[in-house]
Amino acid sequence: MKLKPPTRLVACATAIAGVALSLTSAAFASGGASIAEAPTLPVGTLISGGGQPWHQYYRLPLYGSDEVTLDLEMPGAGACPAALVLSLYQPQVTDYQIEAARPLDSTGWVEPGKHEFKWLSPFTGAGIVQASGCNSGIAAFNLLITVAHQTAVTVHAPTLAKRGSVVIVSAIVQSPAGVPQGTCLIAGRPAPLTNGRCERRVRLRHGHRQTVGAQFVPDDGWQASAGHRTIQLYR
């Protein structure tokens, strides 16, 4: 006769498995000991880092005007009270220049707990992220980086049209990072975005001129933007 394990033991085993799963949900990504050895930071993936050496380096590919969000958790202060700072440097900085280089942005020394920081990239290229600690090493940390790329909207419509007529207004949404994903609002009404282009028919008002606006409502990974076109009206 096969005996079933006690219910309490099953519950304990389930709880232990759940803890093990949560501990392995963040991929470990140790930084390089030098800029030349720096691995690429994954965007949108939770990583865990820390340890020796007390300066570690990563590469972070960015486009100009990218908005970078860093969700950073440091469970404890480690062996010294100020145990972690993340700094962003220009792509061209080398191992021979890093000591004299000034960071473009920095988290400052991070206290234990959960924090969110925002960086704005002034360059296009693989920037350098430096993780620094104290002589005893970098405190353990979890980090999730997300990036939103800049977009621009160009509106196309007739420059001259009859009052009260219906015209086609289109918008082109562009980004140096590729084809933006999201939807449009043209004259305040939704218009689907396909391959970076959206359009809809707009009935013009009565007056001397009318400004028609288009807004890009982004999916994750893109920034919102807007544009407009002024149409001269005649009878």
C-alpha atoms as a PDB file:
ATOM      1  CA  MET A   1       0.000   0.000   0.000  1.00  0.00           C
ATOM      2  CA  LYS A   2       1.454   3.349  -1.060  1.00  0.00           C
ATOM      3  CA  LEU A   3       1.338   6.040   1.625  1.00  0.00           C
ATOM      4  CA  LYS A   4       0.538   9.642   0.764  1.00  0.00           C
ATOM      5  CA  PRO A   5       2.888  12.289   2.218  1.00  0.00           C
ATOM      6  CA  PRO A   6       1.397  14.336   5.056  1.00  0.00           C
ATOM      7  CA  THR A   7      -0.454  17.464   3.893  1.00  0.00           C
ATOM      8  CA  ARG A   8       1.834  19.704   5.952  1.00  0.00           C
ATOM      9  CA  LEU A   9       4.948  18.279   4.245  1.00  0.00           C
ATOM     10  CA  VAL A  10       3.389  18.837   0.816  1.00  0.00           C
ATOM     11  CA  ALA A  11       2.605  22.446   1.707  1.00  0.00           C
ATOM     12  CA  CYS A  12       6.180  22.999   2.937  1.00  0.00           C
ATOM     13  CA  ALA A  13       7.649  21.475  -0.225  1.00  0.00           C
ATOM     14  CA  THR A  14       5.424  23.703  -2.373  1.00  0.00           C
ATOM     15  CA  ALA A  15       6.461  26.805  -0.447  1.00  0.00           C
ATOM     16  CA  ILE A  16      10.162  25.925  -0.755  1.00  0.00           C
ATOM     17  CA  ALA A  17       9.758  25.390  -4.518  1.00  0.00           C
ATOM     18  CA  GLY A  18       8.062  28.779  -4.803  1.00  0.00           C
ATOM     19  CA  VAL A  19      10.938  30.485  -2.968  1.00  0.00           C
ATOM     20  CA  ALA A  20      13.479  28.740  -5.204  1.00  0.00           C
ATOM     21  CA  LEU A  21      11.613  29.911  -8.301  1.00  0.00           C
ATOM     22  CA  SER A  22      11.524  33.530  -7.094  1.00  0.00           C
ATOM     23  CA  LEU A  23      15.258  33.441  -6.359  1.00  0.00           C
ATOM     24  CA  THR A  24      16.057  32.251  -9.887  1.00  0.00           C
ATOM     25  CA  SER A  25      13.665  34.614 -11.679  1.00  0.00           C
ATOM     26  CA  ALA A  26      16.452  37.177 -12.164  1.00  0.00           C
ATOM     27  CA  ALA A  27      19.323  36.131 -14.426  1.00  0.00           C
ATOM     28  CA  PHE A  28      22.765  36.717 -12.928  1.00  0.00           C
ATOM     29  CA  ALA A  29      24.779  39.141 -15.054  1.00  0.00           C
ATOM     30  CA  SER A  30      28.177  39.999 -13.656  1.00  0.00           C
ATOM     31  CA  GLY A  31      29.758  43.087 -15.173  1.00  0.00           C
ATOM     32  CA  GLY A  32      33.142  43.051 -16.878  1.00  0.00           C
ATOM     33  CA  ALA A  33      36.258  43.882 -14.875  1.00  0.00           C
ATOM     34  CA  SER A  34      37.156  46.393 -17.595  1.00  0.00           C
ATOM     35  CA  ILE A  35      35.358  48.350 -20.317  1.00  0.00           C
ATOM     36  CA  ALA A  36      37.004  46.099 -22.918  1.00  0.00           C
ATOM     37  CA  GLU A  37      35.320  43.089 -21.266  1.00  0.00           C
ATOM     38  CA  ALA A  38      31.936  44.734 -20.667  1.00  0.00           C
ATOM     39  CA  PRO A  39      28.919  42.553 -21.552  1.00  0.00           C
ATOM     40  CA  THR A  40      25.724  44.061 -22.988  1.00  0.00           C
ATOM     41  CA  LEU A  41      22.970  44.843 -20.490  1.00  0.00           C
ATOM     42  CA  PRO A  42      19.704  43.173 -21.521  1.00  0.00           C
ATOM     43  CA  VAL A  43      16.809  45.624 -21.832  1.00  0.00           C
ATOM     44  CA  GLY A  44      13.516  44.495 -20.316  1.00  0.00           C
ATOM     45  CA  THR A  45      15.078  41.570 -18.437  1.00  0.00           C
ATOM     46  CA  LEU A  46      15.608  41.493 -14.668  1.00  0.00           C
ATOM     47  CA  ILE A  47      19.236  40.823 -13.788  1.00  0.00           C
ATOM     48  CA  SER A  48      21.139  40.295 -10.546  1.00  0.00           C
ATOM     49  CA  GLY A  49      24.659  41.609 -10.024  1.00  0.00           C
ATOM     50  CA  GLY A  50      27.260  42.523  -7.447  1.00  0.00           C
ATOM     51  CA  GLY A  51      30.407  41.012  -5.977  1.00  0.00           C
ATOM     52  CA  GLN A  52      34.019  41.551  -7.014  1.00  0.00           C
ATOM     53  CA  PRO A  53      35.717  43.530  -8.492  1.00  0.00           C
ATOM     54  CA  TRP A  54      34.494  46.777  -6.951  1.00  0.00           C
ATOM     55  CA  HIS A  55      34.284  48.467 -10.395  1.00  0.00           C
ATOM     56  CA  GLN A  56      32.296  46.544 -13.030  1.00  0.00           C
ATOM     57  CA  TYR A  57      31.243  47.610 -16.525  1.00  0.00           C
ATOM     58  CA  TYR A  58      28.367  46.959 -18.925  1.00  0.00           C
ATOM     59  CA  ARG A  59      27.463  48.184 -22.407  1.00  0.00           C
ATOM     60  CA  LEU A  60      24.008  49.687 -23.012  1.00  0.00           C
ATOM     61  CA  PRO A  61      23.072  50.369 -26.681  1.00  0.00           C
ATOM     62  CA  LEU A  62      21.021  53.571 -26.944  1.00  0.00           C
ATOM     63  CA  TYR A  63      19.746  56.121 -29.454  1.00  0.00           C
ATOM     64  CA  GLY A  64      19.860  59.872 -28.937  1.00  0.00           C
ATOM     65  CA  SER A  65      17.043  61.138 -26.660  1.00  0.00           C
ATOM     66  CA  ASP A  66      16.191  57.642 -25.421  1.00  0.00           C
ATOM     67  CA  GLU A  67      14.490  57.695 -22.022  1.00  0.00           C
ATOM     68  CA  VAL A  68      16.121  55.083 -19.803  1.00  0.00           C
ATOM     69  CA  THR A  69      14.319  53.842 -16.683  1.00  0.00           C
ATOM     70  CA  LEU A  70      16.292  51.945 -14.052  1.00  0.00           C
ATOM     71  CA  ASP A  71      14.279  49.982 -11.487  1.00  0.00           C
ATOM     72  CA  LEU A  72      16.911  49.099  -8.923  1.00  0.00           C
ATOM     73  CA  GLU A  73      16.626  46.991  -5.784  1.00  0.00           C
ATOM     74  CA  MET A  74      19.436  46.581  -3.265  1.00  0.00           C
ATOM     75  CA  PRO A  75      18.444  44.087  -0.549  1.00  0.00           C
ATOM     76  CA  GLY A  76      21.261  45.059   1.855  1.00  0.00           C
ATOM     77  CA  ALA A  77      24.169  47.465   2.213  1.00  0.00           C
ATOM     78  CA  GLY A  78      26.802  44.734   2.035  1.00  0.00           C
ATOM     79  CA  ALA A  79      30.143  45.140   3.744  1.00  0.00           C
ATOM     80  CA  CYS A  80      30.242  48.943   3.662  1.00  0.00           C
ATOM     81  CA  PRO A  81      27.510  51.576   4.143  1.00  0.00           C
ATOM     82  CA  ALA A  82      27.744  53.055   0.626  1.00  0.00           C
ATOM     83  CA  ALA A  83      27.856  49.939  -1.510  1.00  0.00           C
ATOM     84  CA  LEU A  84      26.450  50.726  -4.975  1.00  0.00           C
ATOM     85  CA  VAL A  85      26.367  53.513  -7.557  1.00  0.00           C
ATOM     86  CA  LEU A  86      25.500  53.195 -11.269  1.00  0.00           C
ATOM     87  CA  SER A  87      26.916  55.752 -13.724  1.00  0.00           C
ATOM     88  CA  LEU A  88      26.479  56.320 -17.478  1.00  0.00           C
ATOM     89  CA  TYR A  89      29.442  57.303 -19.685  1.00  0.00           C
ATOM     90  CA  GLN A  90      29.866  58.175 -23.358  1.00  0.00           C
ATOM     91  CA  PRO A  91      30.475  55.211 -25.711  1.00  0.00           C
ATOM     92  CA  GLN A  92      33.985  56.392 -26.655  1.00  0.00           C
ATOM     93  CA  VAL A  93      35.367  56.358 -23.092  1.00  0.00           C
ATOM     94  CA  THR A  94      38.101  53.711 -22.717  1.00  0.00           C
ATOM     95  CA  ASP A  95      39.761  51.929 -19.800  1.00  0.00           C
ATOM     96  CA  TYR A  96      42.587  54.468 -20.047  1.00  0.00           C
ATOM     97  CA  GLN A  97      40.191  57.444 -19.713  1.00  0.00           C
ATOM     98  CA  ILE A  98      37.584  56.248 -17.215  1.00  0.00           C
ATOM     99  CA  GLU A  99      39.361  57.557 -14.104  1.00  0.00           C
ATOM    100  CA  ALA A 100      39.365  61.125 -15.458  1.00  0.00           C
ATOM    101  CA  ALA A 101      36.015  60.959 -17.303  1.00  0.00           C
ATOM    102  CA  ARG A 102      32.869  62.552 -15.905  1.00  0.00           C
ATOM    103  CA  PRO A 103      29.634  60.540 -16.047  1.00  0.00           C
ATOM    104  CA  LEU A 104      26.712  61.865 -18.069  1.00  0.00           C
ATOM    105  CA  ASP A 105      24.336  60.709 -15.332  1.00  0.00           C
ATOM    106  CA  SER A 106      24.478  58.744 -12.107  1.00  0.00           C
ATOM    107  CA  THR A 107      22.232  57.184  -9.472  1.00  0.00           C
ATOM    108  CA  GLY A 108      24.459  58.454  -6.685  1.00  0.00           C
ATOM    109  CA  TRP A 109      25.136  56.113  -3.768  1.00  0.00           C
ATOM    110  CA  VAL A 110      22.074  53.909  -3.351  1.00  0.00           C
ATOM    111  CA  GLU A 111      20.602  52.994   0.025  1.00  0.00           C
ATOM    112  CA  PRO A 112      19.125  49.509   0.567  1.00  0.00           C
ATOM    113  CA  GLY A 113      15.589  49.234  -0.797  1.00  0.00           C
ATOM    114  CA  LYS A 114      13.781  49.797  -4.095  1.00  0.00           C
ATOM    115  CA  HIS A 115      14.470  52.873  -6.239  1.00  0.00           C
ATOM    116  CA  GLU A 116      13.638  54.175  -9.715  1.00  0.00           C
ATOM    117  CA  PHE A 117      15.964  56.428 -11.696  1.00  0.00           C
ATOM    118  CA  LYS A 118      15.576  58.150 -15.083  1.00  0.00           C
ATOM    119  CA  TRP A 119      18.364  58.853 -17.555  1.00  0.00           C
ATOM    120  CA  LEU A 120      18.168  60.659 -20.924  1.00  0.00           C
ATOM    121  CA  SER A 121      20.660  59.539 -23.540  1.00  0.00           C
ATOM    122  CA  PRO A 122      22.487  62.397 -25.346  1.00  0.00           C
ATOM    123  CA  PHE A 123      24.246  59.982 -27.732  1.00  0.00           C
ATOM    124  CA  THR A 124      23.654  57.153 -30.185  1.00  0.00           C
ATOM    125  CA  GLY A 125      25.837  54.138 -29.523  1.00  0.00           C
ATOM    126  CA  ALA A 126      26.751  51.563 -26.907  1.00  0.00           C
ATOM    127  CA  GLY A 127      27.123  53.615 -23.751  1.00  0.00           C
ATOM    128  CA  ILE A 128      29.096  52.451 -20.740  1.00  0.00           C
ATOM    129  CA  VAL A 129      27.382  51.711 -17.430  1.00  0.00           C
ATOM    130  CA  GLN A 130      29.757  51.545 -14.484  1.00  0.00           C
ATOM    131  CA  ALA A 131      28.720  49.775 -11.273  1.00  0.00           C
ATOM    132  CA  SER A 132      30.862  50.846  -8.330  1.00  0.00           C
ATOM    133  CA  GLY A 133      31.081  49.693  -4.731  1.00  0.00           C
ATOM    134  CA  CYS A 134      33.741  49.807  -2.043  1.00  0.00           C
ATOM    135  CA  ASN A 135      37.008  47.898  -1.642  1.00  0.00           C
ATOM    136  CA  SER A 136      35.149  44.847  -0.341  1.00  0.00           C
ATOM    137  CA  GLY A 137      33.024  44.671  -3.494  1.00  0.00           C
ATOM    138  CA  ILE A 138      29.646  45.710  -4.917  1.00  0.00           C
ATOM    139  CA  ALA A 139      26.536  44.973  -2.885  1.00  0.00           C
ATOM    140  CA  ALA A 140      24.098  42.473  -4.388  1.00  0.00           C
ATOM    141  CA  PHE A 141      21.451  44.170  -6.529  1.00  0.00           C
ATOM    142  CA  ASN A 142      18.564  43.463  -8.893  1.00  0.00           C
ATOM    143  CA  LEU A 143      18.144  45.721 -11.917  1.00  0.00           C
ATOM    144  CA  LEU A 144      15.498  46.087 -14.622  1.00  0.00           C
ATOM    145  CA  ILE A 145      16.261  48.543 -17.436  1.00  0.00           C
ATOM    146  CA  THR A 146      13.600  49.700 -19.886  1.00  0.00           C
ATOM    147  CA  VAL A 147      14.096  52.118 -22.768  1.00  0.00           C
ATOM    148  CA  ALA A 148      11.612  54.383 -24.595  1.00  0.00           C
ATOM    149  CA  HIS A 149      12.757  55.644 -28.004  1.00  0.00           C
ATOM    150  CA  GLN A 150      12.075  59.163 -29.272  1.00  0.00           C
ATOM    151  CA  THR A 151       9.463  59.587 -32.021  1.00  0.00           C
ATOM    152  CA  ALA A 152       8.350  62.406 -34.312  1.00  0.00           C
ATOM    153  CA  VAL A 153       5.025  62.998 -36.081  1.00  0.00           C
ATOM    154  CA  THR A 154       4.704  64.657 -39.500  1.00  0.00           C
ATOM    155  CA  VAL A 155       1.162  65.600 -40.538  1.00  0.00           C
ATOM    156  CA  HIS A 156       0.072  65.699 -44.185  1.00  0.00           C
ATOM    157  CA  ALA A 157      -3.122  67.463 -45.321  1.00  0.00           C
ATOM    158  CA  PRO A 158      -4.164  69.998 -47.967  1.00  0.00           C
ATOM    159  CA  THR A 159      -2.944  73.519 -47.272  1.00  0.00           C
ATOM    160  CA  LEU A 160      -6.114  74.968 -48.901  1.00  0.00           C
ATOM    161  CA  ALA A 161      -9.604  73.469 -48.767  1.00  0.00           C
ATOM    162  CA  LYS A 162     -13.280  74.441 -48.935  1.00  0.00           C
ATOM    163  CA  ARG A 163     -15.109  75.171 -45.692  1.00  0.00           C
ATOM    164  CA  GLY A 164     -17.173  72.240 -44.481  1.00  0.00           C
ATOM    165  CA  SER A 165     -15.515  69.817 -46.890  1.00  0.00           C
ATOM    166  CA  VAL A 166     -14.034  66.447 -45.996  1.00  0.00           C
ATOM    167  CA  VAL A 167     -10.283  65.990 -46.410  1.00  0.00           C
ATOM    168  CA  ILE A 168      -7.867  63.138 -45.756  1.00  0.00           C
ATOM    169  CA  VAL A 169      -5.367  63.848 -42.988  1.00  0.00           C
ATOM    170  CA  SER A 170      -2.450  61.460 -42.602  1.00  0.00           C
ATOM    171  CA  ALA A 171       0.415  61.251 -40.164  1.00  0.00           C
ATOM    172  CA  ILE A 172       3.864  59.663 -40.470  1.00  0.00           C
ATOM    173  CA  VAL A 173       5.409  58.493 -37.189  1.00  0.00           C
ATOM    174  CA  GLN A 174       9.172  57.989 -37.328  1.00  0.00           C
ATOM    175  CA  SER A 175      12.025  57.104 -35.001  1.00  0.00           C
ATOM    176  CA  PRO A 176      15.756  56.550 -35.460  1.00  0.00           C
ATOM    177  CA  ALA A 177      15.258  53.295 -33.515  1.00  0.00           C
ATOM    178  CA  GLY A 178      12.918  51.750 -36.105  1.00  0.00           C
ATOM    179  CA  VAL A 179       9.189  51.681 -36.839  1.00  0.00           C
ATOM    180  CA  PRO A 180       7.211  52.902 -33.803  1.00  0.00           C
ATOM    181  CA  GLN A 181       4.382  50.776 -32.442  1.00  0.00           C
ATOM    182  CA  GLY A 182       1.164  52.238 -31.054  1.00  0.00           C
ATOM    183  CA  THR A 183      -1.835  54.106 -32.418  1.00  0.00           C
ATOM    184  CA  CYS A 184      -2.807  57.611 -33.550  1.00  0.00           C
ATOM    185  CA  LEU A 185      -5.329  60.240 -32.648  1.00  0.00           C
ATOM    186  CA  ILE A 186      -6.186  62.498 -35.604  1.00  0.00           C
ATOM    187  CA  ALA A 187      -8.397  65.453 -34.779  1.00  0.00           C
ATOM    188  CA  GLY A 188      -8.995  63.745 -31.433  1.00  0.00           C
ATOM    189  CA  ARG A 189     -10.286  60.461 -32.890  1.00  0.00           C
ATOM    190  CA  PRO A 190      -8.451  57.100 -33.063  1.00  0.00           C
ATOM    191  CA  ALA A 191      -6.738  56.026 -36.274  1.00  0.00           C
ATOM    192  CA  PRO A 192      -4.833  52.740 -36.586  1.00  0.00           C
ATOM    193  CA  LEU A 193      -1.091  52.913 -37.188  1.00  0.00           C
ATOM    194  CA  THR A 194       0.314  50.598 -39.868  1.00  0.00           C
ATOM    195  CA  ASN A 195       3.998  50.617 -40.814  1.00  0.00           C
ATOM    196  CA  GLY A 196       4.405  54.037 -39.252  1.00  0.00           C
ATOM    197  CA  ARG A 197       1.455  55.642 -41.067  1.00  0.00           C
ATOM    198  CA  CYS A 198      -2.094  56.489 -40.014  1.00  0.00           C
ATOM    199  CA  GLU A 199      -4.921  58.474 -41.648  1.00  0.00           C
ATOM    200  CA  ARG A 200      -8.583  59.383 -41.378  1.00  0.00           C
ATOM    201  CA  ARG A 201     -11.125  61.611 -43.047  1.00  0.00           C
ATOM    202  CA  VAL A 202     -11.798  64.916 -41.279  1.00  0.00           C
ATOM    203  CA  ARG A 203     -14.710  67.277 -41.911  1.00  0.00           C
ATOM    204  CA  LEU A 204     -13.537  70.875 -41.824  1.00  0.00           C
ATOM    205  CA  ARG A 205     -15.272  73.636 -39.908  1.00  0.00           C
ATOM    206  CA  HIS A 206     -16.410  77.045 -41.153  1.00  0.00           C
ATOM    207  CA  GLY A 207     -13.947  79.875 -40.690  1.00  0.00           C
ATOM    208  CA  HIS A 208     -10.789  81.249 -42.229  1.00  0.00           C
ATOM    209  CA  ARG A 209      -8.407  78.478 -41.147  1.00  0.00           C
ATOM    210  CA  GLN A 210      -8.292  75.246 -39.177  1.00  0.00           C
ATOM    211  CA  THR A 211      -5.400  73.501 -37.451  1.00  0.00           C
ATOM    212  CA  VAL A 212      -5.624  69.723 -37.494  1.00  0.00           C
ATOM    213  CA  GLY A 213      -3.530  67.836 -34.969  1.00  0.00           C
ATOM    214  CA  ALA A 214      -2.221  64.259 -34.826  1.00  0.00           C
ATOM    215  CA  GLN A 215      -0.920  62.516 -31.718  1.00  0.00           C
ATOM    216  CA  PHE A 216       1.060  59.311 -31.426  1.00  0.00           C
ATOM    217  CA  VAL A 217      -0.052  57.146 -28.484  1.00  0.00           C
ATOM    218  CA  PRO A 218       2.858  54.754 -27.956  1.00  0.00           C
ATOM    219  CA  ASP A 219       3.136  51.146 -26.944  1.00  0.00           C
ATOM    220  CA  ASP A 220       5.841  50.292 -24.403  1.00  0.00           C
ATOM    221  CA  GLY A 221       9.289  51.136 -25.692  1.00  0.00           C
ATOM    222  CA  TRP A 222       8.341  54.356 -27.487  1.00  0.00           C
ATOM    223  CA  GLN A 223       7.779  58.001 -26.551  1.00  0.00           C
ATOM    224  CA  ALA A 224       4.628  59.984 -27.288  1.00  0.00           C
ATOM    225  CA  SER A 225       4.784  62.776 -29.871  1.00  0.00           C
ATOM    226  CA  ALA A 226       2.471  65.082 -31.791  1.00  0.00           C
ATOM    227  CA  GLY A 227       2.269  67.291 -34.876  1.00  0.00           C
ATOM    228  CA  HIS A 228      -0.215  69.553 -36.657  1.00  0.00           C
ATOM    229  CA  ARG A 229      -1.108  71.105 -40.003  1.00  0.00           C
ATOM    230  CA  THR A 230      -2.912  74.400 -40.626  1.00  0.00           C
ATOM    231  CA  ILE A 231      -5.425  74.464 -43.500  1.00  0.00           C
ATOM    232  CA  GLN A 232      -6.604  77.729 -45.078  1.00  0.00           C
ATOM    233  CA  LEU A 233     -10.347  77.627 -45.747  1.00  0.00           C
ATOM    234  CA  TYR A 234     -12.347  79.268 -48.555  1.00  0.00           C
ATOM    235  CA  ARG A 235     -16.033  79.385 -49.540  1.00  0.00           C
END
